[in-house]
Amino acid sequence: MRFTIATLLALATVAFAQIKPNVAGSANVGSGDASQFITGGCVADADCSSACCANASGVGVCSAEAAAFQNGKNGCGFADPNAAATIAAAKAQVAKQGFKRVARDC
């Protein structure tokens, strides 16, 4: 297989891409009730429906356990040392989006 420099640069860019939480789940950050979906932000495993808050370069991202080490993530069990600031930023994002957290009767 023949690689061009452009192909190699594209692959390197993808390999070093930083994982970022999906902001659509901002209302669930710090909830501790397992309501956060995979790819949503988290401050601890208890936030995630998958029970896996993976460390993605110092940011928590809910992940499937099988994918906890993919794309630069460092495994489940992330406990955000800046949880209060992360939760405050998530609440600000929710206000910006105009979303409200709705209690579920499941």
N, C-alpha and C. Protein backbone atom coordinates (compact mmCIF):
# COMPACT_ATOMS: atom_id res chain seq x y z
N MET A 1 0.85 -1.17 0.00
CA MET A 1 0.00 0.00 0.00
C MET A 1 0.90 1.23 0.00
N ARG A 2 0.53 2.21 -0.75
CA ARG A 2 1.34 3.41 -0.89
C ARG A 2 0.67 4.58 -0.17
N PHE A 3 1.41 5.24 0.71
CA PHE A 3 0.90 6.39 1.45
C PHE A 3 1.54 7.67 0.93
N THR A 4 0.74 8.69 0.79
CA THR A 4 1.29 10.00 0.45
C THR A 4 1.49 10.77 1.74
N ILE A 5 2.22 11.85 1.69
CA ILE A 5 2.43 12.68 2.88
C ILE A 5 1.10 13.21 3.40
N ALA A 6 0.21 13.58 2.51
CA ALA A 6 -1.10 14.08 2.92
C ALA A 6 -1.88 13.01 3.68
N THR A 7 -1.80 11.77 3.22
CA THR A 7 -2.48 10.67 3.90
C THR A 7 -1.90 10.46 5.29
N LEU A 8 -0.60 10.47 5.40
CA LEU A 8 0.05 10.29 6.69
C LEU A 8 -0.30 11.42 7.65
N LEU A 9 -0.34 12.65 7.15
CA LEU A 9 -0.72 13.78 8.01
C LEU A 9 -2.17 13.67 8.46
N ALA A 10 -3.04 13.23 7.58
CA ALA A 10 -4.45 13.05 7.95
C ALA A 10 -4.58 11.99 9.03
N LEU A 11 -3.86 10.89 8.89
CA LEU A 11 -3.90 9.83 9.90
C LEU A 11 -3.34 10.32 11.24
N ALA A 12 -2.28 11.09 11.20
CA ALA A 12 -1.69 11.63 12.43
C ALA A 12 -2.66 12.58 13.12
N THR A 13 -3.37 13.38 12.35
CA THR A 13 -4.34 14.31 12.92
C THR A 13 -5.46 13.55 13.61
N VAL A 14 -5.95 12.50 12.98
CA VAL A 14 -7.01 11.69 13.59
C VAL A 14 -6.49 11.01 14.85
N ALA A 15 -5.27 10.51 14.81
CA ALA A 15 -4.70 9.81 15.96
C ALA A 15 -4.54 10.72 17.17
N PHE A 16 -4.28 11.99 16.94
CA PHE A 16 -4.05 12.92 18.04
C PHE A 16 -5.26 13.81 18.33
N ALA A 17 -6.39 13.51 17.71
CA ALA A 17 -7.60 14.28 17.96
C ALA A 17 -8.03 14.10 19.41
N GLN A 18 -8.41 15.18 20.04
CA GLN A 18 -8.82 15.10 21.43
C GLN A 18 -10.30 14.79 21.52
N ILE A 19 -10.63 13.86 22.38
CA ILE A 19 -12.02 13.50 22.63
C ILE A 19 -12.65 14.63 23.44
N LYS A 20 -13.84 15.06 23.04
CA LYS A 20 -14.57 16.09 23.78
C LYS A 20 -15.97 15.56 24.06
N PRO A 21 -16.50 15.85 25.25
CA PRO A 21 -17.86 15.40 25.57
C PRO A 21 -18.89 16.07 24.67
N ASN A 22 -19.94 15.34 24.37
CA ASN A 22 -21.06 15.85 23.60
C ASN A 22 -21.84 16.83 24.48
N VAL A 23 -21.92 18.09 24.08
CA VAL A 23 -22.57 19.11 24.91
C VAL A 23 -24.08 18.93 25.02
N ALA A 24 -24.67 18.08 24.18
CA ALA A 24 -26.11 17.82 24.30
C ALA A 24 -26.45 17.16 25.63
N GLY A 25 -25.46 16.56 26.28
CA GLY A 25 -25.70 15.92 27.57
C GLY A 25 -25.30 16.76 28.77
N SER A 26 -25.11 18.05 28.57
CA SER A 26 -24.63 18.92 29.65
C SER A 26 -25.52 18.89 30.89
N ALA A 27 -26.81 18.71 30.71
CA ALA A 27 -27.73 18.69 31.85
C ALA A 27 -27.49 17.50 32.78
N ASN A 28 -26.82 16.47 32.29
CA ASN A 28 -26.60 15.26 33.08
C ASN A 28 -25.24 15.22 33.77
N VAL A 29 -24.38 16.20 33.51
CA VAL A 29 -23.04 16.22 34.11
C VAL A 29 -23.16 16.44 35.61
N GLY A 30 -22.58 15.54 36.38
CA GLY A 30 -22.60 15.66 37.83
C GLY A 30 -23.88 15.19 38.49
N SER A 31 -24.77 14.57 37.72
CA SER A 31 -26.06 14.14 38.28
C SER A 31 -25.91 12.98 39.26
N GLY A 32 -24.95 12.09 38.99
CA GLY A 32 -24.73 10.95 39.87
C GLY A 32 -25.82 9.91 39.83
N ASP A 33 -26.73 10.01 38.84
CA ASP A 33 -27.87 9.08 38.78
C ASP A 33 -27.86 8.18 37.55
N ALA A 34 -26.71 8.02 36.93
CA ALA A 34 -26.54 7.14 35.76
C ALA A 34 -27.40 7.56 34.57
N SER A 35 -27.69 8.87 34.46
CA SER A 35 -28.53 9.33 33.36
C SER A 35 -27.75 9.80 32.14
N GLN A 36 -26.43 9.87 32.23
CA GLN A 36 -25.64 10.38 31.11
C GLN A 36 -25.41 9.30 30.07
N PHE A 37 -25.56 9.68 28.80
CA PHE A 37 -25.35 8.76 27.69
C PHE A 37 -23.88 8.66 27.32
N ILE A 38 -23.52 7.64 26.57
CA ILE A 38 -22.15 7.47 26.09
C ILE A 38 -21.81 8.64 25.18
N THR A 39 -20.66 9.20 25.38
CA THR A 39 -20.08 10.39 24.73
C THR A 39 -20.44 11.68 25.46
N GLY A 40 -21.33 11.62 26.44
CA GLY A 40 -21.65 12.80 27.24
C GLY A 40 -20.61 13.03 28.32
N GLY A 41 -20.53 14.23 28.83
CA GLY A 41 -19.57 14.57 29.87
C GLY A 41 -19.94 13.96 31.22
N CYS A 42 -18.93 13.81 32.08
CA CYS A 42 -19.14 13.23 33.40
C CYS A 42 -18.05 13.70 34.34
N VAL A 43 -18.33 13.61 35.63
CA VAL A 43 -17.32 13.90 36.65
C VAL A 43 -16.96 12.64 37.44
N ALA A 44 -17.75 11.58 37.26
CA ALA A 44 -17.52 10.30 37.95
C ALA A 44 -18.32 9.20 37.26
N ASP A 45 -17.97 7.95 37.54
CA ASP A 45 -18.67 6.82 36.95
C ASP A 45 -20.17 6.86 37.22
N ALA A 46 -20.59 7.37 38.38
CA ALA A 46 -22.00 7.39 38.76
C ALA A 46 -22.86 8.23 37.81
N ASP A 47 -22.26 9.14 37.07
CA ASP A 47 -23.02 9.96 36.11
C ASP A 47 -23.48 9.14 34.90
N CYS A 48 -22.72 8.12 34.54
CA CYS A 48 -22.88 7.43 33.26
C CYS A 48 -23.80 6.22 33.32
N SER A 49 -24.67 6.09 32.31
CA SER A 49 -25.52 4.91 32.22
C SER A 49 -24.68 3.65 32.03
N SER A 50 -23.48 3.82 31.49
CA SER A 50 -22.55 2.70 31.29
C SER A 50 -21.68 2.44 32.51
N ALA A 51 -21.80 3.27 33.54
CA ALA A 51 -20.98 3.20 34.76
C ALA A 51 -19.49 3.34 34.45
N CYS A 52 -19.16 4.09 33.37
CA CYS A 52 -17.77 4.27 32.97
C CYS A 52 -17.53 5.71 32.55
N CYS A 53 -16.92 6.47 33.45
CA CYS A 53 -16.49 7.84 33.14
C CYS A 53 -15.00 7.72 32.80
N ALA A 54 -14.68 7.82 31.52
CA ALA A 54 -13.30 7.64 31.07
C ALA A 54 -12.56 8.97 31.05
N ASN A 55 -11.30 8.92 31.41
CA ASN A 55 -10.43 10.08 31.40
C ASN A 55 -9.94 10.32 29.98
N ALA A 56 -10.35 11.44 29.40
CA ALA A 56 -9.93 11.81 28.05
C ALA A 56 -9.11 13.09 28.17
N SER A 57 -7.83 12.93 28.51
CA SER A 57 -6.92 14.08 28.68
C SER A 57 -7.43 15.06 29.73
N GLY A 58 -7.87 14.52 30.87
CA GLY A 58 -8.30 15.37 31.97
C GLY A 58 -9.75 15.78 31.94
N VAL A 59 -10.51 15.24 30.98
CA VAL A 59 -11.93 15.53 30.85
C VAL A 59 -12.67 14.21 30.91
N GLY A 60 -13.77 14.16 31.65
CA GLY A 60 -14.55 12.94 31.75
C GLY A 60 -15.53 12.80 30.61
N VAL A 61 -15.54 11.60 30.00
CA VAL A 61 -16.46 11.28 28.91
C VAL A 61 -17.05 9.90 29.17
N CYS A 62 -18.38 9.82 29.24
CA CYS A 62 -19.00 8.51 29.43
C CYS A 62 -18.67 7.63 28.24
N SER A 63 -18.31 6.40 28.56
CA SER A 63 -17.82 5.49 27.53
C SER A 63 -18.31 4.08 27.83
N ALA A 64 -18.40 3.28 26.79
CA ALA A 64 -18.61 1.85 27.01
C ALA A 64 -17.30 1.31 27.58
N GLU A 65 -17.38 0.37 28.48
CA GLU A 65 -16.16 -0.18 29.08
C GLU A 65 -15.22 -0.73 28.02
N ALA A 66 -15.78 -1.33 26.98
CA ALA A 66 -14.95 -1.90 25.91
C ALA A 66 -14.21 -0.83 25.12
N ALA A 67 -14.68 0.41 25.18
CA ALA A 67 -14.04 1.50 24.42
C ALA A 67 -13.31 2.48 25.34
N ALA A 68 -13.12 2.12 26.59
CA ALA A 68 -12.56 3.04 27.58
C ALA A 68 -11.10 3.41 27.33
N PHE A 69 -10.42 2.66 26.49
CA PHE A 69 -9.02 2.96 26.18
C PHE A 69 -8.83 3.34 24.71
N GLN A 70 -9.91 3.59 24.01
CA GLN A 70 -9.81 3.96 22.60
C GLN A 70 -9.70 5.48 22.44
N ASN A 71 -9.09 5.89 21.35
CA ASN A 71 -9.00 7.31 20.97
C ASN A 71 -8.39 8.18 22.05
N GLY A 72 -7.41 7.65 22.76
CA GLY A 72 -6.69 8.45 23.75
C GLY A 72 -7.31 8.46 25.14
N LYS A 73 -8.42 7.76 25.34
CA LYS A 73 -9.01 7.70 26.67
C LYS A 73 -8.16 6.79 27.56
N ASN A 74 -8.17 7.05 28.86
CA ASN A 74 -7.33 6.31 29.79
C ASN A 74 -8.11 5.42 30.75
N GLY A 75 -9.23 4.92 30.34
CA GLY A 75 -9.98 3.96 31.14
C GLY A 75 -11.03 4.55 32.04
N CYS A 76 -11.88 3.69 32.56
CA CYS A 76 -12.98 4.08 33.45
C CYS A 76 -12.44 4.51 34.80
N GLY A 77 -13.32 5.06 35.62
CA GLY A 77 -12.94 5.42 36.98
C GLY A 77 -12.45 6.85 37.13
N PHE A 78 -12.66 7.67 36.11
CA PHE A 78 -12.22 9.07 36.21
C PHE A 78 -13.01 9.78 37.30
N ALA A 79 -12.32 10.48 38.17
CA ALA A 79 -12.94 11.33 39.20
C ALA A 79 -12.39 12.73 38.97
N ASP A 80 -13.21 13.60 38.44
CA ASP A 80 -12.78 14.95 38.05
C ASP A 80 -12.32 15.74 39.27
N PRO A 81 -11.05 16.13 39.32
CA PRO A 81 -10.57 16.92 40.45
C PRO A 81 -11.14 18.34 40.46
N ASN A 82 -11.69 18.74 39.34
CA ASN A 82 -12.31 20.07 39.21
C ASN A 82 -13.81 19.93 39.00
N ALA A 83 -14.43 18.98 39.69
CA ALA A 83 -15.84 18.66 39.47
C ALA A 83 -16.75 19.88 39.60
N ALA A 84 -16.53 20.71 40.60
CA ALA A 84 -17.40 21.87 40.80
C ALA A 84 -17.35 22.81 39.59
N ALA A 85 -16.16 23.05 39.07
CA ALA A 85 -16.01 23.92 37.90
C ALA A 85 -16.60 23.26 36.66
N THR A 86 -16.43 21.96 36.52
CA THR A 86 -16.98 21.24 35.38
C THR A 86 -18.50 21.28 35.40
N ILE A 87 -19.09 21.06 36.57
CA ILE A 87 -20.55 21.10 36.70
C ILE A 87 -21.06 22.51 36.44
N ALA A 88 -20.37 23.54 36.93
CA ALA A 88 -20.77 24.92 36.68
C ALA A 88 -20.73 25.24 35.19
N ALA A 89 -19.68 24.77 34.50
CA ALA A 89 -19.58 24.99 33.06
C ALA A 89 -20.70 24.27 32.31
N ALA A 90 -21.05 23.08 32.78
CA ALA A 90 -22.13 22.32 32.15
C ALA A 90 -23.47 23.04 32.35
N LYS A 91 -23.69 23.57 33.54
CA LYS A 91 -24.93 24.32 33.80
C LYS A 91 -25.01 25.57 32.91
N ALA A 92 -23.87 26.22 32.71
CA ALA A 92 -23.84 27.39 31.82
C ALA A 92 -24.17 26.98 30.39
N GLN A 93 -23.68 25.81 29.98
CA GLN A 93 -23.99 25.30 28.64
C GLN A 93 -25.47 25.00 28.51
N VAL A 94 -26.07 24.44 29.55
CA VAL A 94 -27.50 24.14 29.53
C VAL A 94 -28.29 25.44 29.39
N ALA A 95 -27.91 26.47 30.13
CA ALA A 95 -28.59 27.76 30.04
C ALA A 95 -28.46 28.34 28.63
N LYS A 96 -27.29 28.20 28.06
CA LYS A 96 -27.04 28.70 26.71
C LYS A 96 -27.91 27.96 25.69
N GLN A 97 -28.06 26.66 25.88
CA GLN A 97 -28.84 25.83 24.96
C GLN A 97 -30.34 25.98 25.19
N GLY A 98 -30.72 26.37 26.39
CA GLY A 98 -32.13 26.48 26.73
C GLY A 98 -32.76 25.16 27.10
N PHE A 99 -31.94 24.14 27.40
CA PHE A 99 -32.47 22.84 27.80
C PHE A 99 -32.68 22.82 29.30
N LYS A 100 -33.64 22.02 29.73
CA LYS A 100 -33.88 21.82 31.16
C LYS A 100 -33.82 20.33 31.42
N ARG A 101 -33.33 19.99 32.60
CA ARG A 101 -33.30 18.59 33.01
C ARG A 101 -34.71 18.19 33.43
N VAL A 102 -35.19 17.08 32.89
CA VAL A 102 -36.52 16.61 33.19
C VAL A 102 -36.42 15.30 33.95
N ALA A 103 -37.12 15.22 35.07
CA ALA A 103 -37.12 13.97 35.85
C ALA A 103 -37.84 12.90 35.07
N ARG A 104 -37.32 11.68 35.15
CA ARG A 104 -37.92 10.56 34.44
C ARG A 104 -38.64 9.65 35.43
N ASP A 105 -39.77 9.13 35.02
CA ASP A 105 -40.53 8.18 35.82
C ASP A 105 -40.38 6.78 35.21
N CYS A 106 -39.17 6.26 35.29
CA CYS A 106 -38.91 4.93 34.69
C CYS A 106 -38.71 3.91 35.77
